[in-house]
């Protein structure tokens, strides 16, 4: 079966939604560290967390000095409140209880900070059957191209700093269900289905002025 790295494919979608420059960024679930490397180019400091010690070491092996790597469970870690310009997570949220995790990530953001998350949704059939069919076609077309040009998105050979495959968990929520949970936990959150078996969640933490301003009559 043709296989390639969908997570790496969505790095650009995440980076486009971040500030051009940040003082401090949190990545939850650093995996092999490739996104942390790119975040480090746009931030003074990056805190990269992962629960898997092998992933922490893989990240530590490739990131620059402004990235701090730490083994931690985001649901129990003591994250500094209100200090991050951005919180980023890739293929992690579907491993967590969403209603618990989202407020924790929101608390870590400064007012005006942005949360950007890409994760796996449960298939919503038959509603999403056209999307699933299109995704399968695009997956095979792009996979063939990436393999032919030996693009980094392709997989098949182990990454030199990565001792094994990233553990995956089947998602339990559809994109619609994620949207419902997110909008309850984070009013104003935007959740949309991405083509290649991911959803994108974005949210900007209200500034103090916005949070306290009276509503229009």
N, C-alpha and C. Protein backbone atom coordinates (compact mmCIF):
# COMPACT_ATOMS: atom_id res chain seq x y z
N UNK A 1 0.85 -1.20 0.00
CA UNK A 1 0.00 0.00 0.00
C UNK A 1 0.88 1.25 0.00
N UNK A 2 0.54 2.21 -0.81
CA UNK A 2 1.29 3.45 -0.89
C UNK A 2 1.08 4.25 0.40
N UNK A 3 2.19 4.67 1.02
CA UNK A 3 2.09 5.38 2.28
C UNK A 3 3.02 6.56 2.29
N UNK A 4 2.57 7.67 2.88
CA UNK A 4 3.42 8.83 3.03
C UNK A 4 2.94 9.64 4.22
N UNK A 5 3.69 10.67 4.60
CA UNK A 5 3.50 11.35 5.87
C UNK A 5 2.48 12.48 5.75
N UNK A 6 1.23 12.19 6.11
CA UNK A 6 0.19 13.21 6.08
C UNK A 6 0.46 14.32 7.09
N UNK A 7 1.05 13.98 8.23
CA UNK A 7 1.32 15.00 9.24
C UNK A 7 2.28 16.06 8.70
N UNK A 8 3.36 15.64 8.08
CA UNK A 8 4.32 16.60 7.52
C UNK A 8 3.66 17.45 6.44
N UNK A 9 2.75 16.86 5.70
CA UNK A 9 2.04 17.60 4.65
C UNK A 9 1.29 18.80 5.22
N UNK A 10 0.81 18.68 6.46
CA UNK A 10 0.02 19.75 7.05
C UNK A 10 0.84 20.73 7.89
N UNK A 11 2.16 20.61 7.89
CA UNK A 11 2.99 21.59 8.59
C UNK A 11 2.71 23.00 8.08
N UNK A 12 2.64 23.15 6.77
CA UNK A 12 2.44 24.49 6.19
C UNK A 12 1.10 25.09 6.61
N UNK A 13 0.07 24.25 6.68
CA UNK A 13 -1.25 24.74 7.09
C UNK A 13 -1.20 25.28 8.52
N UNK A 14 -0.43 24.63 9.37
CA UNK A 14 -0.28 25.10 10.74
C UNK A 14 0.52 26.40 10.78
N UNK A 15 1.66 26.43 10.10
CA UNK A 15 2.53 27.59 10.15
C UNK A 15 1.86 28.84 9.59
N UNK A 16 1.01 28.68 8.58
CA UNK A 16 0.32 29.82 8.00
C UNK A 16 -0.60 30.52 8.99
N UNK A 17 -1.02 29.81 10.00
CA UNK A 17 -1.98 30.35 10.95
C UNK A 17 -1.32 30.88 12.23
N UNK A 18 -0.01 30.88 12.26
CA UNK A 18 0.72 31.37 13.42
C UNK A 18 1.22 32.79 13.17
N UNK A 19 1.52 33.53 14.24
CA UNK A 19 2.14 34.85 14.04
C UNK A 19 3.46 34.72 13.27
N UNK A 20 3.82 35.77 12.56
CA UNK A 20 5.09 35.76 11.82
C UNK A 20 6.27 35.55 12.75
N UNK A 21 6.16 36.08 13.96
CA UNK A 21 7.19 35.87 14.97
C UNK A 21 6.54 35.82 16.34
N UNK A 22 7.01 34.91 17.18
CA UNK A 22 6.48 34.74 18.53
C UNK A 22 7.61 34.75 19.54
N UNK A 23 7.30 35.21 20.73
CA UNK A 23 8.28 35.13 21.80
C UNK A 23 8.39 33.69 22.31
N UNK A 24 7.25 33.02 22.48
CA UNK A 24 7.27 31.67 23.05
C UNK A 24 6.13 30.85 22.47
N UNK A 25 6.45 29.64 22.07
CA UNK A 25 5.48 28.73 21.46
C UNK A 25 5.54 27.39 22.19
N UNK A 26 4.39 26.77 22.35
CA UNK A 26 4.30 25.43 22.93
C UNK A 26 3.85 24.46 21.86
N UNK A 27 4.60 23.38 21.70
CA UNK A 27 4.15 22.27 20.84
C UNK A 27 3.85 21.08 21.73
N UNK A 28 2.63 20.59 21.64
CA UNK A 28 2.20 19.43 22.42
C UNK A 28 2.22 18.21 21.51
N UNK A 29 3.10 17.27 21.81
CA UNK A 29 3.27 16.09 20.98
C UNK A 29 4.28 16.36 19.89
N UNK A 30 5.54 16.48 20.26
CA UNK A 30 6.58 16.88 19.28
C UNK A 30 6.94 15.77 18.31
N UNK A 31 6.60 14.52 18.63
CA UNK A 31 6.89 13.42 17.71
C UNK A 31 8.35 13.36 17.34
N UNK A 32 8.65 13.33 16.05
CA UNK A 32 10.03 13.22 15.58
C UNK A 32 10.76 14.56 15.55
N UNK A 33 10.07 15.65 15.86
CA UNK A 33 10.73 16.93 15.99
C UNK A 33 10.76 17.81 14.77
N UNK A 34 10.20 17.35 13.66
CA UNK A 34 10.30 18.11 12.42
C UNK A 34 9.53 19.43 12.48
N UNK A 35 8.36 19.41 13.09
CA UNK A 35 7.61 20.66 13.21
C UNK A 35 8.29 21.59 14.20
N UNK A 36 8.85 21.05 15.26
CA UNK A 36 9.56 21.89 16.24
C UNK A 36 10.70 22.65 15.59
N UNK A 37 11.38 22.03 14.64
CA UNK A 37 12.47 22.70 13.92
C UNK A 37 11.94 23.92 13.19
N UNK A 38 10.80 23.78 12.57
CA UNK A 38 10.22 24.89 11.80
C UNK A 38 9.65 25.96 12.73
N UNK A 39 9.10 25.55 13.85
CA UNK A 39 8.61 26.52 14.83
C UNK A 39 9.76 27.34 15.39
N UNK A 40 10.91 26.71 15.56
CA UNK A 40 12.08 27.40 16.12
C UNK A 40 12.56 28.53 15.22
N UNK A 41 12.26 28.46 13.94
CA UNK A 41 12.65 29.52 13.02
C UNK A 41 11.79 30.77 13.19
N UNK A 42 10.66 30.63 13.88
CA UNK A 42 9.70 31.73 13.97
C UNK A 42 9.42 32.14 15.41
N UNK A 43 10.19 31.62 16.35
CA UNK A 43 9.95 31.94 17.76
C UNK A 43 11.28 32.06 18.51
N UNK A 44 11.27 32.91 19.53
CA UNK A 44 12.47 33.02 20.37
C UNK A 44 12.68 31.75 21.18
N UNK A 45 11.57 31.17 21.67
CA UNK A 45 11.64 29.96 22.48
C UNK A 45 10.51 29.02 22.08
N UNK A 46 10.82 27.73 22.05
CA UNK A 46 9.81 26.69 21.79
C UNK A 46 9.91 25.65 22.89
N UNK A 47 8.79 25.35 23.52
CA UNK A 47 8.71 24.24 24.47
C UNK A 47 8.05 23.07 23.75
N UNK A 48 8.78 21.97 23.60
CA UNK A 48 8.30 20.80 22.87
C UNK A 48 8.06 19.66 23.87
N UNK A 49 6.81 19.25 23.98
CA UNK A 49 6.44 18.20 24.92
C UNK A 49 6.03 16.93 24.18
N UNK A 50 6.39 15.80 24.76
CA UNK A 50 5.89 14.52 24.23
C UNK A 50 5.90 13.52 25.38
N UNK A 51 4.93 12.62 25.35
CA UNK A 51 4.81 11.62 26.40
C UNK A 51 5.78 10.46 26.20
N UNK A 52 6.19 10.23 24.96
CA UNK A 52 7.05 9.10 24.62
C UNK A 52 8.53 9.50 24.74
N UNK A 53 9.29 8.86 25.61
CA UNK A 53 10.70 9.25 25.78
C UNK A 53 11.52 9.10 24.50
N UNK A 54 11.18 8.12 23.66
CA UNK A 54 11.90 7.96 22.40
C UNK A 54 11.67 9.16 21.49
N UNK A 55 10.46 9.69 21.50
CA UNK A 55 10.16 10.87 20.69
C UNK A 55 10.88 12.11 21.22
N UNK A 56 10.96 12.22 22.53
CA UNK A 56 11.68 13.35 23.12
C UNK A 56 13.14 13.32 22.67
N UNK A 57 13.74 12.15 22.69
CA UNK A 57 15.14 12.04 22.26
C UNK A 57 15.28 12.30 20.77
N UNK A 58 14.31 11.84 19.99
CA UNK A 58 14.36 12.09 18.55
C UNK A 58 14.29 13.58 18.26
N UNK A 59 13.41 14.28 18.98
CA UNK A 59 13.29 15.72 18.80
C UNK A 59 14.57 16.42 19.24
N UNK A 60 15.07 16.03 20.40
CA UNK A 60 16.27 16.68 20.95
C UNK A 60 17.46 16.55 20.00
N UNK A 61 17.49 15.48 19.22
CA UNK A 61 18.63 15.24 18.34
C UNK A 61 18.69 16.17 17.14
N UNK A 62 17.54 16.81 16.79
CA UNK A 62 17.54 17.60 15.55
C UNK A 62 17.19 19.07 15.74
N UNK A 63 16.74 19.45 16.93
CA UNK A 63 16.27 20.84 17.09
C UNK A 63 17.42 21.77 17.47
N UNK A 64 17.26 23.06 17.17
CA UNK A 64 18.26 24.05 17.58
C UNK A 64 18.17 24.36 19.07
N UNK A 65 19.05 25.24 19.53
CA UNK A 65 19.19 25.49 20.97
C UNK A 65 18.00 26.20 21.58
N UNK A 66 17.17 26.88 20.78
CA UNK A 66 16.03 27.59 21.36
C UNK A 66 14.80 26.72 21.55
N UNK A 67 14.96 25.39 21.40
CA UNK A 67 13.87 24.45 21.66
C UNK A 67 14.20 23.66 22.93
N UNK A 68 13.28 23.71 23.89
CA UNK A 68 13.41 22.90 25.11
C UNK A 68 12.52 21.68 24.98
N UNK A 69 13.10 20.51 25.09
CA UNK A 69 12.36 19.26 24.95
C UNK A 69 12.10 18.66 26.33
N UNK A 70 10.88 18.19 26.52
CA UNK A 70 10.54 17.65 27.83
C UNK A 70 9.53 16.53 27.68
N UNK A 71 9.74 15.46 28.43
CA UNK A 71 8.74 14.40 28.49
C UNK A 71 7.65 14.83 29.46
N UNK A 72 6.42 14.88 28.98
CA UNK A 72 5.33 15.33 29.83
C UNK A 72 3.99 14.91 29.24
N UNK A 73 3.04 14.68 30.12
CA UNK A 73 1.64 14.45 29.76
C UNK A 73 0.93 15.79 29.90
N UNK A 74 0.43 16.32 28.81
CA UNK A 74 -0.14 17.67 28.83
C UNK A 74 -1.33 17.76 29.78
N UNK A 75 -1.99 16.65 30.07
CA UNK A 75 -3.16 16.70 30.94
C UNK A 75 -2.77 16.81 32.41
N UNK A 76 -1.51 16.53 32.74
CA UNK A 76 -1.07 16.62 34.14
C UNK A 76 0.11 17.57 34.32
N UNK A 77 0.73 18.00 33.22
CA UNK A 77 1.89 18.88 33.32
C UNK A 77 1.47 20.25 33.86
N UNK A 78 2.37 20.88 34.58
CA UNK A 78 2.11 22.22 35.09
C UNK A 78 2.59 23.23 34.04
N UNK A 79 1.69 23.59 33.14
CA UNK A 79 2.02 24.55 32.09
C UNK A 79 1.90 25.97 32.64
N UNK A 80 2.85 26.83 32.31
CA UNK A 80 2.73 28.22 32.76
C UNK A 80 1.51 28.88 32.13
N UNK A 81 0.74 29.56 32.94
CA UNK A 81 -0.50 30.15 32.45
C UNK A 81 -0.24 31.47 31.74
N UNK A 82 -0.91 31.64 30.61
CA UNK A 82 -0.93 32.92 29.93
C UNK A 82 0.40 33.41 29.40
N UNK A 83 1.27 32.51 28.97
CA UNK A 83 2.61 32.96 28.54
C UNK A 83 2.97 32.60 27.10
N UNK A 84 2.14 31.83 26.41
CA UNK A 84 2.49 31.40 25.06
C UNK A 84 1.76 32.24 24.02
N UNK A 85 2.49 32.66 23.00
CA UNK A 85 1.88 33.35 21.87
C UNK A 85 1.11 32.37 20.98
N UNK A 86 1.53 31.11 21.00
CA UNK A 86 0.85 30.10 20.20
C UNK A 86 1.02 28.74 20.86
N UNK A 87 -0.01 27.93 20.76
CA UNK A 87 0.03 26.53 21.17
C UNK A 87 -0.31 25.70 19.94
N UNK A 88 0.54 24.74 19.62
CA UNK A 88 0.40 23.94 18.40
C UNK A 88 0.38 22.47 18.78
N UNK A 89 -0.47 21.73 18.12
CA UNK A 89 -0.47 20.28 18.33
C UNK A 89 -0.88 19.58 17.04
N UNK A 90 -0.19 18.51 16.74
CA UNK A 90 -0.39 17.78 15.48
C UNK A 90 -0.60 16.30 15.78
N UNK A 91 -1.78 15.80 15.41
CA UNK A 91 -2.15 14.39 15.59
C UNK A 91 -2.02 13.94 17.05
N UNK A 92 -2.52 14.80 17.94
CA UNK A 92 -2.50 14.50 19.37
C UNK A 92 -3.90 14.53 19.98
N UNK A 93 -4.72 15.50 19.59
CA UNK A 93 -5.99 15.72 20.28
C UNK A 93 -6.89 14.49 20.29
N UNK A 94 -6.82 13.67 19.25
CA UNK A 94 -7.69 12.49 19.23
C UNK A 94 -7.23 11.42 20.23
N UNK A 95 -6.04 11.61 20.83
CA UNK A 95 -5.58 10.72 21.89
C UNK A 95 -6.11 11.15 23.26
N UNK A 96 -6.67 12.35 23.35
CA UNK A 96 -7.03 12.95 24.63
C UNK A 96 -8.53 13.13 24.76
N UNK A 97 -8.99 13.34 25.99
CA UNK A 97 -10.36 13.77 26.21
C UNK A 97 -10.43 15.24 25.84
N UNK A 98 -11.13 15.54 24.77
CA UNK A 98 -11.10 16.88 24.19
C UNK A 98 -11.63 17.94 25.15
N UNK A 99 -12.71 17.62 25.85
CA UNK A 99 -13.31 18.60 26.75
C UNK A 99 -12.38 18.95 27.91
N UNK A 100 -11.48 18.04 28.25
CA UNK A 100 -10.50 18.31 29.31
C UNK A 100 -9.27 19.02 28.76
N UNK A 101 -8.81 18.59 27.60
CA UNK A 101 -7.55 19.10 27.06
C UNK A 101 -7.65 20.53 26.57
N UNK A 102 -8.75 20.89 25.91
CA UNK A 102 -8.83 22.22 25.31
C UNK A 102 -8.73 23.36 26.33
N UNK A 103 -9.43 23.29 27.46
CA UNK A 103 -9.26 24.37 28.44
C UNK A 103 -7.83 24.46 28.98
N UNK A 104 -7.14 23.34 29.10
CA UNK A 104 -5.75 23.36 29.57
C UNK A 104 -4.86 24.10 28.57
N UNK A 105 -5.05 23.82 27.29
CA UNK A 105 -4.26 24.50 26.27
C UNK A 105 -4.62 25.98 26.21
N UNK A 106 -5.90 26.28 26.35
CA UNK A 106 -6.34 27.69 26.32
C UNK A 106 -5.73 28.47 27.48
N UNK A 107 -5.65 27.86 28.63
CA UNK A 107 -5.10 28.54 29.81
C UNK A 107 -3.64 28.91 29.59
N UNK A 108 -2.92 28.11 28.83
CA UNK A 108 -1.49 28.39 28.60
C UNK A 108 -1.26 29.56 27.66
N UNK A 109 -2.27 29.94 26.88
CA UNK A 109 -2.13 31.03 25.92
C UNK A 109 -2.23 32.39 26.60
N UNK A 110 -1.47 33.34 26.11
CA UNK A 110 -1.66 34.72 26.53
C UNK A 110 -2.91 35.26 25.82
N UNK A 111 -3.51 36.34 26.33
CA UNK A 111 -4.61 36.97 25.60
C UNK A 111 -4.16 37.37 24.20
N UNK A 112 -4.94 37.00 23.21
CA UNK A 112 -4.57 37.25 21.82
C UNK A 112 -3.77 36.13 21.20
N UNK A 113 -3.35 35.15 22.01
CA UNK A 113 -2.60 34.02 21.48
C UNK A 113 -3.49 33.08 20.70
N UNK A 114 -2.87 32.23 19.87
CA UNK A 114 -3.61 31.38 18.96
C UNK A 114 -3.33 29.90 19.23
N UNK A 115 -4.38 29.11 19.21
CA UNK A 115 -4.29 27.66 19.28
C UNK A 115 -4.53 27.11 17.89
N UNK A 116 -3.60 26.28 17.41
CA UNK A 116 -3.75 25.63 16.10
C UNK A 116 -3.53 24.14 16.29
N UNK A 117 -4.52 23.35 15.96
CA UNK A 117 -4.44 21.90 16.15
C UNK A 117 -4.91 21.18 14.91
N UNK A 118 -4.15 20.17 14.52
CA UNK A 118 -4.55 19.25 13.45
C UNK A 118 -4.60 17.86 14.07
N UNK A 119 -5.69 17.15 13.86
CA UNK A 119 -5.83 15.82 14.44
C UNK A 119 -6.73 14.96 13.55
N UNK A 120 -6.86 13.71 13.91
CA UNK A 120 -7.63 12.75 13.12
C UNK A 120 -9.09 12.73 13.57
N UNK A 121 -10.03 12.84 12.63
CA UNK A 121 -11.43 12.65 12.97
C UNK A 121 -11.87 11.21 12.69
N UNK A 122 -12.93 10.81 13.34
CA UNK A 122 -13.59 9.55 12.99
C UNK A 122 -14.38 9.79 11.70
N UNK A 123 -14.39 8.80 10.83
CA UNK A 123 -15.14 8.94 9.58
C UNK A 123 -16.61 9.16 9.88
N UNK A 124 -17.20 10.08 9.13
CA UNK A 124 -18.61 10.44 9.31
C UNK A 124 -19.37 9.99 8.07
N UNK A 125 -19.59 8.68 7.97
CA UNK A 125 -20.26 8.10 6.80
C UNK A 125 -21.75 7.91 7.11
N UNK A 126 -22.59 8.09 6.09
CA UNK A 126 -22.29 8.35 4.67
C UNK A 126 -22.11 9.82 4.33
N UNK A 127 -22.27 10.72 5.32
CA UNK A 127 -22.21 12.16 5.06
C UNK A 127 -20.93 12.55 4.34
N UNK A 128 -19.79 11.99 4.75
CA UNK A 128 -18.51 12.40 4.20
C UNK A 128 -17.98 11.46 3.12
N UNK A 129 -18.86 10.64 2.55
CA UNK A 129 -18.41 9.70 1.52
C UNK A 129 -17.72 10.39 0.35
N UNK A 130 -18.24 11.51 -0.19
CA UNK A 130 -17.52 12.18 -1.29
C UNK A 130 -16.12 12.65 -0.88
N UNK A 131 -16.00 13.15 0.35
CA UNK A 131 -14.69 13.60 0.84
C UNK A 131 -13.73 12.42 0.97
N UNK A 132 -14.23 11.31 1.49
CA UNK A 132 -13.39 10.12 1.64
C UNK A 132 -12.90 9.61 0.29
N UNK A 133 -13.78 9.64 -0.71
CA UNK A 133 -13.38 9.18 -2.04
C UNK A 133 -12.33 10.11 -2.64
N UNK A 134 -12.54 11.41 -2.50
CA UNK A 134 -11.56 12.38 -3.01
C UNK A 134 -10.23 12.24 -2.28
N UNK A 135 -10.28 12.02 -0.97
CA UNK A 135 -9.05 11.87 -0.18
C UNK A 135 -8.24 10.67 -0.65
N UNK A 136 -8.91 9.57 -0.92
CA UNK A 136 -8.20 8.38 -1.38
C UNK A 136 -7.50 8.63 -2.71
N UNK A 137 -8.18 9.33 -3.62
CA UNK A 137 -7.59 9.63 -4.92
C UNK A 137 -6.37 10.54 -4.76
N UNK A 138 -6.54 11.62 -4.00
CA UNK A 138 -5.44 12.58 -3.83
C UNK A 138 -4.27 11.93 -3.10
N UNK A 139 -4.57 11.10 -2.12
CA UNK A 139 -3.52 10.39 -1.39
C UNK A 139 -2.63 9.58 -2.35
N UNK A 140 -3.25 8.85 -3.25
CA UNK A 140 -2.49 8.01 -4.17
C UNK A 140 -1.72 8.82 -5.20
N UNK A 141 -2.34 9.88 -5.69
CA UNK A 141 -1.66 10.72 -6.67
C UNK A 141 -0.44 11.39 -6.05
N UNK A 142 -0.63 12.03 -4.89
CA UNK A 142 0.48 12.72 -4.25
C UNK A 142 1.55 11.73 -3.78
N UNK A 143 1.10 10.59 -3.27
CA UNK A 143 2.06 9.58 -2.82
C UNK A 143 2.95 9.10 -3.95
N UNK A 144 2.38 8.92 -5.12
CA UNK A 144 3.17 8.50 -6.28
C UNK A 144 4.19 9.57 -6.65
N UNK A 145 3.75 10.83 -6.62
CA UNK A 145 4.67 11.94 -6.94
C UNK A 145 5.79 12.03 -5.91
N UNK A 146 5.43 12.00 -4.63
CA UNK A 146 6.44 12.14 -3.58
C UNK A 146 7.46 11.00 -3.62
N UNK A 147 6.99 9.80 -3.92
CA UNK A 147 7.90 8.66 -4.02
C UNK A 147 8.83 8.81 -5.21
N UNK A 148 8.29 9.29 -6.32
CA UNK A 148 9.10 9.43 -7.54
C UNK A 148 10.22 10.45 -7.36
N UNK A 149 9.92 11.53 -6.64
CA UNK A 149 10.93 12.59 -6.48
C UNK A 149 11.68 12.47 -5.16
N UNK A 150 11.41 11.39 -4.43
CA UNK A 150 12.05 11.15 -3.13
C UNK A 150 11.86 12.35 -2.19
N UNK A 151 10.62 12.83 -2.15
CA UNK A 151 10.25 13.96 -1.30
C UNK A 151 10.24 13.50 0.17
N UNK A 152 10.56 14.41 1.11
CA UNK A 152 10.55 14.02 2.53
C UNK A 152 9.21 13.54 3.05
N UNK A 153 8.09 13.86 2.36
CA UNK A 153 6.80 13.38 2.83
C UNK A 153 6.68 11.85 2.71
N UNK A 154 7.47 11.27 1.83
CA UNK A 154 7.33 9.84 1.63
C UNK A 154 7.83 9.10 2.87
N UNK A 155 7.32 7.91 3.11
CA UNK A 155 7.82 7.06 4.18
C UNK A 155 8.10 5.69 3.60
N UNK A 156 8.74 4.87 4.37
CA UNK A 156 9.12 3.55 3.89
C UNK A 156 10.50 3.19 4.41
N UNK A 157 11.38 4.18 4.47
CA UNK A 157 12.66 4.01 5.12
C UNK A 157 12.60 4.68 6.48
N UNK A 158 13.15 4.05 7.53
CA UNK A 158 13.08 4.67 8.84
C UNK A 158 13.82 6.00 8.87
N UNK A 159 13.28 6.95 9.59
CA UNK A 159 13.98 8.22 9.75
C UNK A 159 15.23 7.98 10.60
N UNK A 160 16.37 8.59 10.26
CA UNK A 160 17.60 8.28 10.98
C UNK A 160 17.57 8.64 12.46
N UNK A 161 16.69 9.55 12.87
CA UNK A 161 16.63 9.90 14.28
C UNK A 161 15.41 9.32 14.97
N UNK A 162 14.70 8.46 14.28
CA UNK A 162 13.43 7.98 14.81
C UNK A 162 13.46 6.46 14.93
N UNK A 163 13.42 5.92 16.15
CA UNK A 163 13.59 4.47 16.33
C UNK A 163 12.41 3.63 15.92
N UNK A 164 11.27 4.22 15.68
CA UNK A 164 10.11 3.42 15.31
C UNK A 164 8.97 4.29 14.84
N UNK A 165 7.83 3.71 14.66
CA UNK A 165 6.67 4.45 14.17
C UNK A 165 6.00 5.19 15.32
N UNK A 166 5.41 6.35 14.99
CA UNK A 166 4.66 7.11 15.98
C UNK A 166 3.41 6.31 16.34
N UNK A 167 3.18 6.05 17.63
CA UNK A 167 1.99 5.29 18.01
C UNK A 167 0.73 6.06 17.66
N UNK A 168 -0.27 5.36 17.13
CA UNK A 168 -1.50 6.01 16.71
C UNK A 168 -2.68 5.39 17.45
N UNK A 169 -3.71 6.20 17.64
CA UNK A 169 -4.93 5.74 18.28
C UNK A 169 -6.09 6.10 17.37
N UNK A 170 -7.02 5.19 17.22
CA UNK A 170 -8.17 5.47 16.38
C UNK A 170 -9.02 6.59 17.00
N UNK A 171 -9.42 7.57 16.20
CA UNK A 171 -10.24 8.66 16.73
C UNK A 171 -11.63 8.17 17.08
N UNK A 172 -12.25 8.85 18.04
CA UNK A 172 -13.60 8.48 18.48
C UNK A 172 -14.64 9.54 18.15
N UNK A 173 -14.19 10.73 17.73
CA UNK A 173 -15.12 11.82 17.43
C UNK A 173 -15.05 12.20 15.96
N UNK A 174 -16.20 12.42 15.35
CA UNK A 174 -16.24 12.96 13.99
C UNK A 174 -15.89 14.44 14.02
N UNK A 175 -15.65 15.02 12.87
CA UNK A 175 -15.37 16.46 12.82
C UNK A 175 -16.54 17.25 13.39
N UNK A 176 -17.76 16.85 13.11
CA UNK A 176 -18.93 17.55 13.66
C UNK A 176 -18.94 17.49 15.18
N UNK A 177 -18.60 16.33 15.73
CA UNK A 177 -18.59 16.19 17.18
C UNK A 177 -17.45 16.99 17.80
N UNK A 178 -16.30 17.01 17.15
CA UNK A 178 -15.19 17.85 17.62
C UNK A 178 -15.61 19.31 17.64
N UNK A 179 -16.30 19.74 16.59
CA UNK A 179 -16.75 21.13 16.51
C UNK A 179 -17.68 21.47 17.68
N UNK A 180 -18.57 20.57 18.01
CA UNK A 180 -19.50 20.81 19.12
C UNK A 180 -18.75 20.96 20.44
N UNK A 181 -17.80 20.05 20.68
CA UNK A 181 -17.03 20.10 21.93
C UNK A 181 -16.18 21.36 21.97
N UNK A 182 -15.51 21.67 20.86
CA UNK A 182 -14.61 22.81 20.82
C UNK A 182 -15.36 24.12 21.03
N UNK A 183 -16.51 24.27 20.43
CA UNK A 183 -17.24 25.53 20.55
C UNK A 183 -17.83 25.70 21.95
N UNK A 184 -18.03 24.61 22.66
CA UNK A 184 -18.45 24.72 24.07
C UNK A 184 -17.28 25.11 24.95
N UNK A 185 -16.13 24.47 24.73
CA UNK A 185 -14.95 24.74 25.55
C UNK A 185 -14.29 26.07 25.19
N UNK A 186 -14.29 26.39 23.90
CA UNK A 186 -13.60 27.58 23.40
C UNK A 186 -14.55 28.35 22.47
N UNK A 187 -15.41 29.18 23.02
CA UNK A 187 -16.37 29.90 22.17
C UNK A 187 -15.65 30.66 21.05
N UNK A 188 -16.17 30.48 19.84
CA UNK A 188 -15.56 31.10 18.67
C UNK A 188 -14.56 30.22 17.95
N UNK A 189 -14.30 29.02 18.47
CA UNK A 189 -13.36 28.12 17.80
C UNK A 189 -13.86 27.73 16.42
N UNK A 190 -12.93 27.59 15.49
CA UNK A 190 -13.27 27.17 14.13
C UNK A 190 -12.72 25.77 13.92
N UNK A 191 -13.57 24.85 13.48
CA UNK A 191 -13.17 23.47 13.22
C UNK A 191 -13.64 23.10 11.82
N UNK A 192 -12.71 22.65 11.00
CA UNK A 192 -13.08 22.26 9.64
C UNK A 192 -12.37 20.97 9.26
N UNK A 193 -13.02 20.19 8.44
CA UNK A 193 -12.44 18.94 7.93
C UNK A 193 -11.41 19.27 6.87
N UNK A 194 -10.23 18.67 6.97
CA UNK A 194 -9.22 18.74 5.93
C UNK A 194 -9.36 17.51 5.04
N UNK A 195 -8.86 17.61 3.84
CA UNK A 195 -9.11 16.54 2.88
C UNK A 195 -8.50 15.22 3.32
N UNK A 196 -7.22 15.24 3.70
CA UNK A 196 -6.48 13.99 3.91
C UNK A 196 -6.58 13.51 5.35
N UNK A 197 -7.78 13.16 5.78
CA UNK A 197 -8.05 12.47 7.04
C UNK A 197 -7.54 13.21 8.26
N UNK A 198 -7.75 14.50 8.27
CA UNK A 198 -7.42 15.33 9.42
C UNK A 198 -8.51 16.41 9.55
N UNK A 199 -8.59 16.99 10.74
CA UNK A 199 -9.37 18.21 10.90
C UNK A 199 -8.45 19.30 11.44
N UNK A 200 -8.85 20.53 11.24
CA UNK A 200 -8.09 21.69 11.69
C UNK A 200 -8.94 22.48 12.67
N UNK A 201 -8.38 22.71 13.86
CA UNK A 201 -9.03 23.51 14.89
C UNK A 201 -8.19 24.76 15.12
N UNK A 202 -8.80 25.92 15.02
CA UNK A 202 -8.10 27.17 15.32
C UNK A 202 -8.95 28.01 16.27
N UNK A 203 -8.26 28.71 17.15
CA UNK A 203 -8.94 29.56 18.14
C UNK A 203 -7.99 30.64 18.60
N UNK A 204 -8.48 31.84 18.68
CA UNK A 204 -7.70 32.95 19.22
C UNK A 204 -8.26 33.32 20.58
N UNK A 205 -7.41 33.34 21.59
CA UNK A 205 -7.85 33.67 22.94
C UNK A 205 -8.24 35.14 23.01
N UNK A 206 -9.42 35.44 23.49
CA UNK A 206 -9.84 36.84 23.55
C UNK A 206 -8.88 37.69 24.39
N UNK A 207 -8.68 38.90 23.97
CA UNK A 207 -7.90 39.84 24.78
C UNK A 207 -8.73 40.25 25.98
N UNK A 208 -8.07 40.83 26.97
CA UNK A 208 -8.79 41.25 28.18
C UNK A 208 -9.87 42.26 27.83
N UNK A 209 -9.56 43.17 26.89
CA UNK A 209 -10.53 44.19 26.50
C UNK A 209 -11.75 43.56 25.84
N UNK A 210 -11.50 42.56 24.98
CA UNK A 210 -12.61 41.89 24.29
C UNK A 210 -13.47 41.12 25.28
N UNK A 211 -12.78 40.45 26.22
CA UNK A 211 -13.51 39.61 27.17
C UNK A 211 -14.41 40.41 28.10
N UNK A 212 -14.04 41.68 28.37
CA UNK A 212 -14.82 42.47 29.32
C UNK A 212 -15.71 43.52 28.67
N UNK A 213 -15.61 43.65 27.32
CA UNK A 213 -16.40 44.67 26.65
C UNK A 213 -17.87 44.28 26.64
N UNK A 214 -18.80 45.24 26.78
CA UNK A 214 -20.24 44.92 26.76
C UNK A 214 -20.66 44.51 25.37
N UNK A 215 -21.67 43.68 25.29
CA UNK A 215 -22.20 43.28 23.99
C UNK A 215 -23.00 44.42 23.40
N UNK A 216 -23.11 44.39 22.08
CA UNK A 216 -23.88 45.43 21.41
C UNK A 216 -25.36 45.27 21.69
N UNK A 217 -26.04 46.39 21.78
CA UNK A 217 -27.49 46.34 22.04
C UNK A 217 -28.21 45.85 20.81
